[in-house]
Amino acid sequence: PDKAMTGKNVLIADDEGTVREGVEAVLLKLGCKVTVCIDGLQTIDKIKEAHRKDTPYDLIISDIRMPGCNGYEVFTAAIEMRPNQAVVLMTGFGYDPHHSIMRASQEGMHTVLFKPFRTDQLIEIVKKACRKTAGC
C-alpha cells in the first residue's frame, strides 16, 4: 500500500473487463477503496449516489468510449456535482471524433491515459490527479 493513496475512494469505469480488472488490482494494491462500473449510465448513477450521500469519489477513472454515456459525459456530470473532482479519461483510440479529450481538458480534466498503458504510468497519473484535487 501507498500512504498517500490508502483509503482513497476511486471509481473505475470501462466496458472492457480486462482493463477494469487490471486497474482495480493496481489500485487495491495501493490501498484504495474501489468501485467498478461497466458502462457510462451506471457510472453517472454511482457518482450521483455518492454525491447524495456526501461521500464523493477522490478520483474517477473513465474510459471515453462506453455504452450508455461516454467518458466526456461522465466527466461533465462529475464536475457539475463537484467542480474540483479529479477525473482521468482513458482511451485506446488516438483519434477522438467528438473532440472529447480537448473539451474535457479545457474544462479542467486532469489527464488522459492512452491504452495500452504500463502499471507505472497508471500509478503516476493516479497519484498526480489526486494531488491536484483539494479532496485528495
C-alpha atoms as a PDB file:
ATOM      1  CA  PRO A   1       0.000   0.000   0.000  1.00  0.00           C
ATOM      2  CA  ASP A   2       0.966   3.605  -0.623  1.00  0.00           C
ATOM      3  CA  LYS A   3       0.463   6.009   2.289  1.00  0.00           C
ATOM      4  CA  ALA A   4      -0.759   8.808   0.010  1.00  0.00           C
ATOM      5  CA  MET A   5      -3.349   6.553  -1.651  1.00  0.00           C
ATOM      6  CA  THR A   6      -4.553   4.392   1.245  1.00  0.00           C
ATOM      7  CA  GLY A   7      -8.275   4.857   1.768  1.00  0.00           C
ATOM      8  CA  LYS A   8      -8.823   6.952  -1.361  1.00  0.00           C
ATOM      9  CA  ASN A   9     -12.253   6.336  -2.848  1.00  0.00           C
ATOM     10  CA  VAL A  10     -11.806   5.647  -6.579  1.00  0.00           C
ATOM     11  CA  LEU A  11     -14.381   4.851  -9.259  1.00  0.00           C
ATOM     12  CA  ILE A  12     -13.274   2.934 -12.367  1.00  0.00           C
ATOM     13  CA  ALA A  13     -15.480   2.834 -15.457  1.00  0.00           C
ATOM     14  CA  ASP A  14     -14.680   0.747 -18.511  1.00  0.00           C
ATOM     15  CA  ASP A  15     -16.709  -1.676 -20.599  1.00  0.00           C
ATOM     16  CA  GLU A  16     -13.644  -3.895 -21.136  1.00  0.00           C
ATOM     17  CA  GLY A  17     -13.337  -6.410 -18.314  1.00  0.00           C
ATOM     18  CA  THR A  18      -9.579  -6.868 -18.598  1.00  0.00           C
ATOM     19  CA  VAL A  19      -8.971  -3.124 -18.286  1.00  0.00           C
ATOM     20  CA  ARG A  20     -11.361  -2.768 -15.321  1.00  0.00           C
ATOM     21  CA  GLU A  21      -9.830  -5.726 -13.518  1.00  0.00           C
ATOM     22  CA  GLY A  22      -6.263  -4.614 -14.178  1.00  0.00           C
ATOM     23  CA  VAL A  23      -6.815  -1.046 -12.973  1.00  0.00           C
ATOM     24  CA  GLU A  24      -8.779  -2.298  -9.980  1.00  0.00           C
ATOM     25  CA  ALA A  25      -5.996  -4.711  -8.974  1.00  0.00           C
ATOM     26  CA  VAL A  26      -3.357  -1.957  -9.100  1.00  0.00           C
ATOM     27  CA  LEU A  27      -5.487   0.482  -7.081  1.00  0.00           C
ATOM     28  CA  LEU A  28      -6.370  -2.129  -4.468  1.00  0.00           C
ATOM     29  CA  LYS A  29      -2.644  -2.845  -4.005  1.00  0.00           C
ATOM     30  CA  LEU A  30      -2.117   0.885  -3.436  1.00  0.00           C
ATOM     31  CA  GLY A  31      -4.725   0.736  -0.658  1.00  0.00           C
ATOM     32  CA  CYS A  32      -7.600   2.456  -2.455  1.00  0.00           C
ATOM     33  CA  LYS A  33     -11.284   1.680  -1.989  1.00  0.00           C
ATOM     34  CA  VAL A  34     -12.528   0.865  -5.485  1.00  0.00           C
ATOM     35  CA  THR A  35     -15.940   0.966  -7.139  1.00  0.00           C
ATOM     36  CA  VAL A  36     -16.173  -0.584 -10.604  1.00  0.00           C
ATOM     37  CA  CYS A  37     -18.721   0.294 -13.311  1.00  0.00           C
ATOM     38  CA  ILE A  38     -19.268  -1.374 -16.683  1.00  0.00           C
ATOM     39  CA  ASP A  39     -20.877   1.497 -18.622  1.00  0.00           C
ATOM     40  CA  GLY A  40     -21.465   5.239 -18.587  1.00  0.00           C
ATOM     41  CA  LEU A  41     -25.012   5.160 -17.216  1.00  0.00           C
ATOM     42  CA  GLN A  42     -24.012   3.041 -14.220  1.00  0.00           C
ATOM     43  CA  THR A  43     -21.040   5.346 -13.662  1.00  0.00           C
ATOM     44  CA  ILE A  44     -23.155   8.505 -13.574  1.00  0.00           C
ATOM     45  CA  ASP A  45     -25.640   6.766 -11.240  1.00  0.00           C
ATOM     46  CA  LYS A  46     -22.779   5.881  -8.845  1.00  0.00           C
ATOM     47  CA  ILE A  47     -21.431   9.446  -8.945  1.00  0.00           C
ATOM     48  CA  LYS A  48     -24.910  10.848  -8.183  1.00  0.00           C
ATOM     49  CA  GLU A  49     -25.387   8.340  -5.360  1.00  0.00           C
ATOM     50  CA  ALA A  50     -22.030   9.263  -3.809  1.00  0.00           C
ATOM     51  CA  HIS A  51     -22.908  12.957  -4.110  1.00  0.00           C
ATOM     52  CA  ARG A  52     -26.290  12.426  -2.395  1.00  0.00           C
ATOM     53  CA  LYS A  53     -24.596  10.527   0.436  1.00  0.00           C
ATOM     54  CA  ASP A  54     -21.872  13.209   0.706  1.00  0.00           C
ATOM     55  CA  THR A  55     -19.204  10.565   0.060  1.00  0.00           C
ATOM     56  CA  PRO A  56     -17.719  11.797  -3.224  1.00  0.00           C
ATOM     57  CA  TYR A  57     -15.032   9.903  -5.064  1.00  0.00           C
ATOM     58  CA  ASP A  58     -11.488  11.145  -4.667  1.00  0.00           C
ATOM     59  CA  LEU A  59     -10.831  10.122  -8.254  1.00  0.00           C
ATOM     60  CA  ILE A  60     -12.861   8.941 -11.233  1.00  0.00           C
ATOM     61  CA  ILE A  61     -11.116   6.976 -13.996  1.00  0.00           C
ATOM     62  CA  SER A  62     -13.340   6.520 -17.021  1.00  0.00           C
ATOM     63  CA  ASP A  63     -12.960   5.103 -20.495  1.00  0.00           C
ATOM     64  CA  ILE A  64     -14.049   7.520 -23.220  1.00  0.00           C
ATOM     65  CA  ARG A  65     -15.898   5.008 -25.407  1.00  0.00           C
ATOM     66  CA  MET A  66     -18.500   3.116 -23.387  1.00  0.00           C
ATOM     67  CA  PRO A  67     -22.118   2.107 -23.840  1.00  0.00           C
ATOM     68  CA  GLY A  68     -24.772   4.386 -22.361  1.00  0.00           C
ATOM     69  CA  CYS A  69     -22.770   7.565 -21.832  1.00  0.00           C
ATOM     70  CA  ASN A  70     -19.254   8.303 -22.973  1.00  0.00           C
ATOM     71  CA  GLY A  71     -16.364   9.392 -20.772  1.00  0.00           C
ATOM     72  CA  TYR A  72     -16.843  13.054 -21.607  1.00  0.00           C
ATOM     73  CA  GLU A  73     -20.455  12.843 -20.398  1.00  0.00           C
ATOM     74  CA  VAL A  74     -19.229  11.122 -17.220  1.00  0.00           C
ATOM     75  CA  PHE A  75     -16.654  13.894 -16.751  1.00  0.00           C
ATOM     76  CA  THR A  76     -19.279  16.617 -17.283  1.00  0.00           C
ATOM     77  CA  ALA A  77     -21.709  15.043 -14.808  1.00  0.00           C
ATOM     78  CA  ALA A  78     -18.941  14.625 -12.230  1.00  0.00           C
ATOM     79  CA  ILE A  79     -17.732  18.238 -12.336  1.00  0.00           C
ATOM     80  CA  GLU A  80     -21.301  19.590 -12.298  1.00  0.00           C
ATOM     81  CA  MET A  81     -21.751  17.898  -8.917  1.00  0.00           C
ATOM     82  CA  ARG A  82     -18.229  18.569  -7.626  1.00  0.00           C
ATOM     83  CA  PRO A  83     -16.289  21.246  -9.554  1.00  0.00           C
ATOM     84  CA  ASN A  84     -12.882  20.165  -8.245  1.00  0.00           C
ATOM     85  CA  GLN A  85     -13.470  16.472  -8.996  1.00  0.00           C
ATOM     86  CA  ALA A  86     -10.325  14.651 -10.143  1.00  0.00           C
ATOM     87  CA  VAL A  87     -11.069  12.816 -13.406  1.00  0.00           C
ATOM     88  CA  VAL A  88      -8.797  10.791 -15.661  1.00  0.00           C
ATOM     89  CA  LEU A  89     -10.157   9.677 -19.035  1.00  0.00           C
ATOM     90  CA  MET A  90      -8.776   6.573 -20.750  1.00  0.00           C
ATOM     91  CA  THR A  91      -8.810   5.816 -24.439  1.00  0.00           C
ATOM     92  CA  GLY A  92      -7.436   3.228 -26.792  1.00  0.00           C
ATOM     93  CA  PHE A  93      -8.106   5.451 -29.763  1.00  0.00           C
ATOM     94  CA  GLY A  94      -5.730   8.135 -30.950  1.00  0.00           C
ATOM     95  CA  TYR A  95      -8.433   9.911 -32.955  1.00  0.00           C
ATOM     96  CA  ASP A  96     -11.257  11.435 -30.940  1.00  0.00           C
ATOM     97  CA  PRO A  97     -14.065  12.238 -33.414  1.00  0.00           C
ATOM     98  CA  HIS A  98     -16.106  14.136 -30.820  1.00  0.00           C
ATOM     99  CA  HIS A  99     -13.093  16.089 -29.515  1.00  0.00           C
ATOM    100  CA  SER A 100     -13.930  14.844 -26.014  1.00  0.00           C
ATOM    101  CA  ILE A 101     -10.316  14.967 -24.871  1.00  0.00           C
ATOM    102  CA  MET A 102      -9.840  18.582 -25.924  1.00  0.00           C
ATOM    103  CA  ARG A 103     -13.175  19.729 -24.452  1.00  0.00           C
ATOM    104  CA  ALA A 104     -12.598  17.931 -21.174  1.00  0.00           C
ATOM    105  CA  SER A 105      -9.053  19.317 -20.923  1.00  0.00           C
ATOM    106  CA  GLN A 106     -10.347  22.850 -21.426  1.00  0.00           C
ATOM    107  CA  GLU A 107     -12.891  22.249 -18.678  1.00  0.00           C
ATOM    108  CA  GLY A 108     -10.403  21.027 -16.084  1.00  0.00           C
ATOM    109  CA  MET A 109      -9.850  17.329 -16.698  1.00  0.00           C
ATOM    110  CA  HIS A 110      -6.560  16.250 -15.185  1.00  0.00           C
ATOM    111  CA  THR A 111      -5.144  13.949 -17.842  1.00  0.00           C
ATOM    112  CA  VAL A 112      -5.759  11.281 -20.460  1.00  0.00           C
ATOM    113  CA  LEU A 113      -4.394   7.764 -20.121  1.00  0.00           C
ATOM    114  CA  PHE A 114      -3.768   6.144 -23.501  1.00  0.00           C
ATOM    115  CA  LYS A 115      -4.264   2.372 -23.705  1.00  0.00           C
ATOM    116  CA  PRO A 116      -2.341   0.192 -23.546  1.00  0.00           C
ATOM    117  CA  PHE A 117      -0.547   1.674 -20.563  1.00  0.00           C
ATOM    118  CA  ARG A 118       2.022   0.352 -18.151  1.00  0.00           C
ATOM    119  CA  THR A 119       1.322  -0.093 -14.443  1.00  0.00           C
ATOM    120  CA  ASP A 120       3.851   2.595 -13.509  1.00  0.00           C
ATOM    121  CA  GLN A 121       2.121   5.063 -15.860  1.00  0.00           C
ATOM    122  CA  LEU A 122      -1.242   4.332 -14.217  1.00  0.00           C
ATOM    123  CA  ILE A 123       0.184   4.800 -10.722  1.00  0.00           C
ATOM    124  CA  GLU A 124       1.919   8.064 -11.650  1.00  0.00           C
ATOM    125  CA  ILE A 125      -1.212   9.523 -13.264  1.00  0.00           C
ATOM    126  CA  VAL A 126      -3.488   8.448 -10.395  1.00  0.00           C
ATOM    127  CA  LYS A 127      -1.195   9.994  -7.770  1.00  0.00           C
ATOM    128  CA  LYS A 128      -0.795  13.194  -9.779  1.00  0.00           C
ATOM    129  CA  ALA A 129      -4.560  13.566 -10.297  1.00  0.00           C
ATOM    130  CA  CYS A 130      -5.241  13.069  -6.602  1.00  0.00           C
ATOM    131  CA  ARG A 131      -2.621  15.641  -5.567  1.00  0.00           C
ATOM    132  CA  LYS A 132      -4.285  18.270  -7.779  1.00  0.00           C
ATOM    133  CA  THR A 133      -7.630  17.912  -6.028  1.00  0.00           C
ATOM    134  CA  ALA A 134      -8.380  19.542  -2.700  1.00  0.00           C
ATOM    135  CA  GLY A 135     -10.205  16.412  -1.542  1.00  0.00           C
ATOM    136  CA  CYS A 136      -7.145  14.181  -2.026  1.00  0.00           C
END
